[in-house]
Amino acid sequence: MIVVDTNIDSFYSRELNYVRTLSHRNAIIPLLLQTGIGRCLIASAYSYEHAFVGIAKNMSFSDLIAYPMLSTEVLDILSIGSQYTRTEKTLRVAEIPDSFDTLDVCFRQRKGGNCSVCPKCVRTLLTLEIAGLMECY
């Protein structure tokens, strides 16, 4: 694990917020360390059917196309997991015991952890509840 402390937020404005720059932010550290990495696999945000390139509030819709374009001669950056729906991804992660104490899906909590009220937290909690897996988390 490599902990990175960055001031990248200071370079972005309100219009170019976290959601609108997420893909590039995810690629920054692998690009910085590219000669020692070789391949970076980033979990896809959307399934194939929802992926597109165009005007959107969230740039993650274009990750399938954008990440390979951010690759270099010595680093492959790939978006993986688009063959699964969000529910399928959550259930696959729930098969990993290490995730029981570490699953962090929240985009509101700055220091890690889950708020349990944002859309991502609620969707994940509902999926785990319906699957009968809440006691693990």
N, C-alpha and C. Protein backbone atom coordinates (compact mmCIF):
# COMPACT_ATOMS: atom_id res chain seq x y z
N MET A 1 0.84 -1.17 0.00
CA MET A 1 0.00 0.00 0.00
C MET A 1 0.88 1.23 0.00
N ILE A 2 0.58 2.14 -0.87
CA ILE A 2 1.30 3.40 -0.94
C ILE A 2 0.32 4.51 -0.62
N VAL A 3 0.59 5.24 0.43
CA VAL A 3 -0.26 6.37 0.82
C VAL A 3 0.22 7.60 0.07
N VAL A 4 -0.72 8.30 -0.56
CA VAL A 4 -0.38 9.48 -1.33
C VAL A 4 -1.12 10.68 -0.76
N ASP A 5 -0.39 11.72 -0.45
CA ASP A 5 -0.97 12.97 0.02
C ASP A 5 -0.82 13.96 -1.12
N THR A 6 -1.94 14.51 -1.58
CA THR A 6 -1.90 15.37 -2.75
C THR A 6 -2.71 16.64 -2.54
N ASN A 7 -2.35 17.65 -3.28
CA ASN A 7 -3.10 18.89 -3.26
C ASN A 7 -3.90 19.07 -4.55
N ILE A 8 -4.26 17.99 -5.19
CA ILE A 8 -4.93 18.06 -6.49
C ILE A 8 -6.24 18.84 -6.44
N ASP A 9 -6.93 18.80 -5.29
CA ASP A 9 -8.18 19.56 -5.19
C ASP A 9 -7.98 21.05 -5.44
N SER A 10 -6.80 21.56 -5.13
CA SER A 10 -6.56 22.99 -5.30
C SER A 10 -6.48 23.40 -6.78
N PHE A 11 -6.35 22.44 -7.68
CA PHE A 11 -6.26 22.75 -9.10
C PHE A 11 -7.62 22.80 -9.79
N TYR A 12 -8.66 22.36 -9.10
CA TYR A 12 -9.97 22.26 -9.71
C TYR A 12 -10.94 23.29 -9.15
N SER A 13 -11.87 23.71 -9.98
CA SER A 13 -12.87 24.70 -9.58
C SER A 13 -14.16 23.97 -9.23
N ARG A 14 -15.16 24.74 -8.87
CA ARG A 14 -16.46 24.15 -8.54
C ARG A 14 -17.05 23.44 -9.75
N GLU A 15 -16.85 24.00 -10.93
CA GLU A 15 -17.37 23.39 -12.15
C GLU A 15 -16.63 22.10 -12.49
N LEU A 16 -15.33 22.07 -12.22
CA LEU A 16 -14.53 20.87 -12.46
C LEU A 16 -14.34 20.15 -11.12
N ASN A 17 -15.43 19.66 -10.59
CA ASN A 17 -15.40 19.02 -9.27
C ASN A 17 -14.94 17.57 -9.35
N TYR A 18 -15.00 16.88 -8.24
CA TYR A 18 -14.52 15.50 -8.13
C TYR A 18 -15.18 14.58 -9.15
N VAL A 19 -16.49 14.64 -9.25
CA VAL A 19 -17.21 13.73 -10.15
C VAL A 19 -16.85 13.99 -11.60
N ARG A 20 -16.62 15.22 -11.95
CA ARG A 20 -16.29 15.56 -13.33
C ARG A 20 -14.84 15.28 -13.69
N THR A 21 -14.01 15.01 -12.70
CA THR A 21 -12.59 14.76 -12.96
C THR A 21 -12.12 13.41 -12.40
N LEU A 22 -13.05 12.60 -11.97
CA LEU A 22 -12.73 11.34 -11.29
C LEU A 22 -11.80 10.43 -12.09
N SER A 23 -12.07 10.25 -13.34
CA SER A 23 -11.26 9.33 -14.15
C SER A 23 -9.80 9.77 -14.21
N HIS A 24 -9.58 11.04 -14.44
CA HIS A 24 -8.21 11.54 -14.50
C HIS A 24 -7.54 11.45 -13.13
N ARG A 25 -8.29 11.72 -12.08
CA ARG A 25 -7.73 11.61 -10.73
C ARG A 25 -7.30 10.17 -10.44
N ASN A 26 -8.12 9.21 -10.88
CA ASN A 26 -7.77 7.80 -10.65
C ASN A 26 -6.52 7.40 -11.43
N ALA A 27 -6.25 8.07 -12.52
CA ALA A 27 -5.10 7.71 -13.36
C ALA A 27 -3.81 8.41 -12.94
N ILE A 28 -3.90 9.46 -12.15
CA ILE A 28 -2.72 10.27 -11.83
C ILE A 28 -1.62 9.47 -11.14
N ILE A 29 -1.94 8.75 -10.08
CA ILE A 29 -0.90 8.03 -9.33
C ILE A 29 -0.31 6.89 -10.15
N PRO A 30 -1.13 6.06 -10.82
CA PRO A 30 -0.52 5.05 -11.69
C PRO A 30 0.40 5.66 -12.75
N LEU A 31 0.01 6.81 -13.29
CA LEU A 31 0.88 7.47 -14.27
C LEU A 31 2.17 7.96 -13.64
N LEU A 32 2.09 8.44 -12.42
CA LEU A 32 3.28 8.89 -11.71
C LEU A 32 4.24 7.73 -11.45
N LEU A 33 3.67 6.56 -11.13
CA LEU A 33 4.49 5.38 -10.80
C LEU A 33 4.55 4.37 -11.94
N GLN A 34 4.27 4.79 -13.14
CA GLN A 34 4.07 3.87 -14.26
C GLN A 34 5.19 2.88 -14.53
N THR A 35 6.42 3.26 -14.39
CA THR A 35 7.50 2.32 -14.71
C THR A 35 7.55 1.16 -13.72
N GLY A 36 7.02 1.35 -12.53
CA GLY A 36 7.01 0.29 -11.54
C GLY A 36 5.72 -0.50 -11.50
N ILE A 37 4.73 -0.07 -12.29
CA ILE A 37 3.42 -0.74 -12.24
C ILE A 37 3.19 -1.62 -13.46
N GLY A 38 3.24 -1.03 -14.64
CA GLY A 38 3.03 -1.80 -15.87
C GLY A 38 1.58 -1.90 -16.27
N ARG A 39 0.68 -2.26 -15.34
CA ARG A 39 -0.74 -2.39 -15.65
C ARG A 39 -1.56 -1.95 -14.45
N CYS A 40 -2.52 -1.10 -14.69
CA CYS A 40 -3.42 -0.62 -13.63
C CYS A 40 -4.84 -0.99 -14.02
N LEU A 41 -5.52 -1.74 -13.16
CA LEU A 41 -6.90 -2.13 -13.39
C LEU A 41 -7.79 -1.31 -12.46
N ILE A 42 -8.69 -0.54 -13.03
CA ILE A 42 -9.59 0.31 -12.26
C ILE A 42 -11.01 -0.21 -12.42
N ALA A 43 -11.68 -0.41 -11.30
CA ALA A 43 -13.05 -0.94 -11.33
C ALA A 43 -13.96 0.01 -12.11
N SER A 44 -14.72 -0.56 -13.01
CA SER A 44 -15.63 0.25 -13.82
C SER A 44 -16.79 0.77 -12.97
N ALA A 45 -17.23 1.95 -13.31
CA ALA A 45 -18.38 2.53 -12.62
C ALA A 45 -19.69 2.10 -13.27
N TYR A 46 -19.65 1.82 -14.55
CA TYR A 46 -20.88 1.53 -15.29
C TYR A 46 -20.73 0.27 -16.14
N SER A 47 -21.87 -0.38 -16.38
CA SER A 47 -21.88 -1.57 -17.23
C SER A 47 -21.77 -1.13 -18.69
N TYR A 48 -21.49 -2.08 -19.57
CA TYR A 48 -21.32 -1.77 -20.99
C TYR A 48 -22.51 -1.00 -21.55
N GLU A 49 -23.72 -1.39 -21.16
CA GLU A 49 -24.91 -0.76 -21.73
C GLU A 49 -25.04 0.72 -21.36
N HIS A 50 -24.41 1.15 -20.27
CA HIS A 50 -24.51 2.54 -19.85
C HIS A 50 -23.29 3.38 -20.24
N ALA A 51 -22.28 2.76 -20.80
CA ALA A 51 -21.06 3.48 -21.17
C ALA A 51 -21.31 4.29 -22.45
N PHE A 52 -20.79 5.52 -22.46
CA PHE A 52 -20.88 6.35 -23.66
C PHE A 52 -19.87 7.49 -23.55
N VAL A 53 -19.60 8.10 -24.69
CA VAL A 53 -18.76 9.30 -24.73
C VAL A 53 -19.65 10.45 -25.15
N GLY A 54 -19.71 11.45 -24.31
CA GLY A 54 -20.55 12.61 -24.60
C GLY A 54 -20.66 13.50 -23.38
N ILE A 55 -21.49 14.50 -23.47
CA ILE A 55 -21.66 15.44 -22.36
C ILE A 55 -22.39 14.74 -21.22
N ALA A 56 -21.79 14.80 -20.03
CA ALA A 56 -22.38 14.18 -18.84
C ALA A 56 -21.82 14.87 -17.60
N LYS A 57 -22.55 14.81 -16.50
CA LYS A 57 -22.06 15.37 -15.24
C LYS A 57 -20.98 14.50 -14.64
N ASN A 58 -20.94 13.22 -15.01
CA ASN A 58 -19.97 12.27 -14.47
C ASN A 58 -19.15 11.70 -15.61
N MET A 59 -17.85 11.94 -15.61
CA MET A 59 -17.02 11.48 -16.72
C MET A 59 -16.79 9.96 -16.72
N SER A 60 -17.19 9.27 -15.66
CA SER A 60 -16.97 7.83 -15.58
C SER A 60 -17.72 7.04 -16.64
N PHE A 61 -18.73 7.65 -17.26
CA PHE A 61 -19.45 6.96 -18.34
C PHE A 61 -18.50 6.61 -19.48
N SER A 62 -17.42 7.36 -19.64
CA SER A 62 -16.51 7.14 -20.77
C SER A 62 -15.23 6.40 -20.37
N ASP A 63 -15.17 5.85 -19.15
CA ASP A 63 -13.94 5.19 -18.69
C ASP A 63 -13.45 4.08 -19.61
N LEU A 64 -14.36 3.32 -20.19
CA LEU A 64 -13.95 2.22 -21.08
C LEU A 64 -13.09 2.73 -22.24
N ILE A 65 -13.35 3.93 -22.69
CA ILE A 65 -12.60 4.52 -23.78
C ILE A 65 -11.46 5.39 -23.27
N ALA A 66 -11.71 6.14 -22.21
CA ALA A 66 -10.73 7.12 -21.70
C ALA A 66 -9.49 6.47 -21.11
N TYR A 67 -9.65 5.42 -20.30
CA TYR A 67 -8.47 4.84 -19.65
C TYR A 67 -7.45 4.29 -20.63
N PRO A 68 -7.84 3.53 -21.63
CA PRO A 68 -6.81 3.10 -22.59
C PRO A 68 -6.12 4.27 -23.28
N MET A 69 -6.84 5.39 -23.47
CA MET A 69 -6.24 6.56 -24.10
C MET A 69 -5.25 7.26 -23.17
N LEU A 70 -5.37 7.04 -21.85
CA LEU A 70 -4.42 7.60 -20.90
C LEU A 70 -3.21 6.69 -20.69
N SER A 71 -3.26 5.50 -21.27
CA SER A 71 -2.14 4.56 -21.17
C SER A 71 -0.92 5.12 -21.89
N THR A 72 0.25 4.59 -21.52
CA THR A 72 1.50 5.02 -22.15
C THR A 72 2.23 3.80 -22.69
N GLU A 73 3.46 4.00 -23.15
CA GLU A 73 4.25 2.88 -23.67
C GLU A 73 4.56 1.85 -22.59
N VAL A 74 4.63 2.27 -21.33
CA VAL A 74 5.00 1.36 -20.25
C VAL A 74 3.88 1.10 -19.25
N LEU A 75 2.71 1.69 -19.46
CA LEU A 75 1.59 1.50 -18.53
C LEU A 75 0.28 1.32 -19.27
N ASP A 76 -0.39 0.22 -18.97
CA ASP A 76 -1.75 -0.01 -19.48
C ASP A 76 -2.72 0.33 -18.36
N ILE A 77 -3.65 1.23 -18.65
CA ILE A 77 -4.71 1.56 -17.69
C ILE A 77 -6.01 1.04 -18.29
N LEU A 78 -6.68 0.17 -17.55
CA LEU A 78 -7.89 -0.46 -18.06
C LEU A 78 -9.03 -0.35 -17.06
N SER A 79 -10.22 -0.15 -17.58
CA SER A 79 -11.43 -0.18 -16.78
C SER A 79 -11.96 -1.62 -16.86
N ILE A 80 -12.16 -2.24 -15.71
CA ILE A 80 -12.61 -3.63 -15.72
C ILE A 80 -13.91 -3.79 -14.93
N GLY A 81 -14.68 -4.79 -15.28
CA GLY A 81 -15.90 -5.11 -14.56
C GLY A 81 -17.18 -4.62 -15.19
N SER A 82 -17.11 -4.07 -16.40
CA SER A 82 -18.31 -3.54 -17.04
C SER A 82 -19.30 -4.63 -17.46
N GLN A 83 -18.87 -5.87 -17.40
CA GLN A 83 -19.79 -6.96 -17.74
C GLN A 83 -20.78 -7.23 -16.61
N TYR A 84 -20.56 -6.61 -15.44
CA TYR A 84 -21.43 -6.81 -14.29
C TYR A 84 -22.27 -5.57 -13.99
N THR A 85 -23.45 -5.80 -13.47
CA THR A 85 -24.26 -4.69 -12.96
C THR A 85 -23.72 -4.29 -11.59
N ARG A 86 -24.17 -3.17 -11.08
CA ARG A 86 -23.75 -2.71 -9.74
C ARG A 86 -24.12 -3.76 -8.68
N THR A 87 -25.30 -4.35 -8.79
CA THR A 87 -25.73 -5.38 -7.84
C THR A 87 -24.81 -6.59 -7.91
N GLU A 88 -24.50 -7.04 -9.12
CA GLU A 88 -23.60 -8.20 -9.28
C GLU A 88 -22.22 -7.91 -8.70
N LYS A 89 -21.72 -6.70 -8.90
CA LYS A 89 -20.41 -6.33 -8.35
C LYS A 89 -20.44 -6.38 -6.82
N THR A 90 -21.49 -5.82 -6.24
CA THR A 90 -21.61 -5.82 -4.78
C THR A 90 -21.63 -7.24 -4.24
N LEU A 91 -22.38 -8.12 -4.88
CA LEU A 91 -22.46 -9.51 -4.41
C LEU A 91 -21.15 -10.25 -4.61
N ARG A 92 -20.41 -9.93 -5.65
CA ARG A 92 -19.09 -10.55 -5.84
C ARG A 92 -18.11 -10.10 -4.76
N VAL A 93 -18.13 -8.80 -4.45
CA VAL A 93 -17.26 -8.28 -3.38
C VAL A 93 -17.64 -8.92 -2.05
N ALA A 94 -18.92 -9.15 -1.83
CA ALA A 94 -19.39 -9.74 -0.58
C ALA A 94 -18.90 -11.17 -0.37
N GLU A 95 -18.36 -11.79 -1.42
CA GLU A 95 -17.77 -13.13 -1.30
C GLU A 95 -16.35 -13.06 -0.74
N ILE A 96 -15.80 -11.88 -0.59
CA ILE A 96 -14.43 -11.70 -0.12
C ILE A 96 -14.45 -11.31 1.35
N PRO A 97 -14.07 -12.21 2.26
CA PRO A 97 -14.10 -11.90 3.69
C PRO A 97 -13.34 -10.63 4.09
N ASP A 98 -12.25 -10.32 3.39
CA ASP A 98 -11.51 -9.11 3.72
C ASP A 98 -12.34 -7.84 3.53
N SER A 99 -13.40 -7.92 2.73
CA SER A 99 -14.23 -6.74 2.49
C SER A 99 -15.17 -6.44 3.66
N PHE A 100 -15.38 -7.40 4.55
CA PHE A 100 -16.34 -7.21 5.64
C PHE A 100 -16.00 -6.00 6.51
N ASP A 101 -14.74 -5.76 6.75
CA ASP A 101 -14.33 -4.63 7.60
C ASP A 101 -13.78 -3.45 6.80
N THR A 102 -13.67 -3.60 5.49
CA THR A 102 -12.99 -2.55 4.72
C THR A 102 -13.79 -1.97 3.56
N LEU A 103 -14.96 -2.50 3.27
CA LEU A 103 -15.73 -2.01 2.12
C LEU A 103 -16.07 -0.53 2.31
N ASP A 104 -15.63 0.28 1.38
CA ASP A 104 -15.84 1.73 1.45
C ASP A 104 -16.40 2.17 0.10
N VAL A 105 -17.67 2.50 0.06
CA VAL A 105 -18.32 2.89 -1.19
C VAL A 105 -18.72 4.35 -1.22
N CYS A 106 -18.62 5.03 -0.11
CA CYS A 106 -19.14 6.39 0.06
C CYS A 106 -18.32 7.43 -0.70
N PHE A 107 -19.02 8.37 -1.32
CA PHE A 107 -18.32 9.49 -1.95
C PHE A 107 -18.45 10.76 -1.13
N ARG A 108 -19.14 10.70 0.01
CA ARG A 108 -19.29 11.88 0.87
C ARG A 108 -18.25 11.95 1.98
N GLN A 109 -17.85 10.81 2.50
CA GLN A 109 -16.94 10.78 3.63
C GLN A 109 -15.52 11.06 3.15
N ARG A 110 -14.90 12.10 3.63
CA ARG A 110 -13.54 12.48 3.23
C ARG A 110 -12.47 11.61 3.88
N LYS A 111 -12.72 11.11 5.07
CA LYS A 111 -11.71 10.36 5.81
C LYS A 111 -11.92 8.84 5.72
N GLY A 112 -12.73 8.40 4.81
CA GLY A 112 -13.01 6.97 4.70
C GLY A 112 -14.24 6.60 5.50
N GLY A 113 -14.72 5.40 5.29
CA GLY A 113 -15.93 4.97 5.96
C GLY A 113 -17.15 5.29 5.11
N ASN A 114 -18.30 4.89 5.59
CA ASN A 114 -19.54 5.07 4.84
C ASN A 114 -20.53 5.89 5.65
N CYS A 115 -21.25 6.78 4.98
CA CYS A 115 -22.20 7.66 5.66
C CYS A 115 -23.55 7.00 5.88
N SER A 116 -23.87 5.99 5.06
CA SER A 116 -25.14 5.24 5.12
C SER A 116 -26.34 6.04 4.63
N VAL A 117 -26.14 7.22 4.07
CA VAL A 117 -27.28 7.99 3.57
C VAL A 117 -27.14 8.45 2.11
N CYS A 118 -25.92 8.51 1.58
CA CYS A 118 -25.76 8.93 0.18
C CYS A 118 -26.27 7.80 -0.73
N PRO A 119 -26.53 8.11 -1.99
CA PRO A 119 -27.06 7.09 -2.91
C PRO A 119 -26.21 5.82 -3.01
N LYS A 120 -24.89 5.96 -3.04
CA LYS A 120 -24.04 4.76 -3.15
C LYS A 120 -24.12 3.90 -1.89
N CYS A 121 -24.10 4.53 -0.73
CA CYS A 121 -24.21 3.78 0.52
C CYS A 121 -25.56 3.07 0.62
N VAL A 122 -26.64 3.80 0.34
CA VAL A 122 -27.98 3.23 0.45
C VAL A 122 -28.15 2.07 -0.53
N ARG A 123 -27.69 2.25 -1.76
CA ARG A 123 -27.80 1.18 -2.76
C ARG A 123 -27.03 -0.07 -2.32
N THR A 124 -25.84 0.13 -1.78
CA THR A 124 -25.03 -1.00 -1.31
C THR A 124 -25.69 -1.68 -0.11
N LEU A 125 -26.15 -0.88 0.85
CA LEU A 125 -26.82 -1.44 2.03
C LEU A 125 -28.07 -2.23 1.64
N LEU A 126 -28.85 -1.70 0.73
CA LEU A 126 -30.06 -2.39 0.27
C LEU A 126 -29.72 -3.73 -0.39
N THR A 127 -28.70 -3.71 -1.24
CA THR A 127 -28.27 -4.95 -1.90
C THR A 127 -27.84 -5.99 -0.87
N LEU A 128 -27.02 -5.58 0.11
CA LEU A 128 -26.55 -6.50 1.14
C LEU A 128 -27.70 -6.99 2.01
N GLU A 129 -28.65 -6.12 2.30
CA GLU A 129 -29.82 -6.51 3.11
C GLU A 129 -30.67 -7.54 2.39
N ILE A 130 -30.99 -7.29 1.14
CA ILE A 130 -31.80 -8.22 0.35
C ILE A 130 -31.10 -9.56 0.20
N ALA A 131 -29.78 -9.54 0.07
CA ALA A 131 -29.00 -10.78 -0.09
C ALA A 131 -28.78 -11.49 1.25
N GLY A 132 -29.22 -10.87 2.36
CA GLY A 132 -29.05 -11.49 3.67
C GLY A 132 -27.61 -11.44 4.18
N LEU A 133 -26.86 -10.41 3.76
CA LEU A 133 -25.45 -10.32 4.09
C LEU A 133 -25.09 -9.17 5.04
N MET A 134 -26.09 -8.45 5.53
CA MET A 134 -25.84 -7.29 6.37
C MET A 134 -25.02 -7.62 7.62
N GLU A 135 -25.24 -8.78 8.21
CA GLU A 135 -24.52 -9.12 9.44
C GLU A 135 -23.02 -9.21 9.20
N CYS A 136 -22.60 -9.42 7.98
CA CYS A 136 -21.16 -9.46 7.68
C CYS A 136 -20.56 -8.07 7.68
N TYR A 137 -21.38 -7.07 7.42
CA TYR A 137 -20.90 -5.69 7.30
C TYR A 137 -21.38 -4.82 8.44
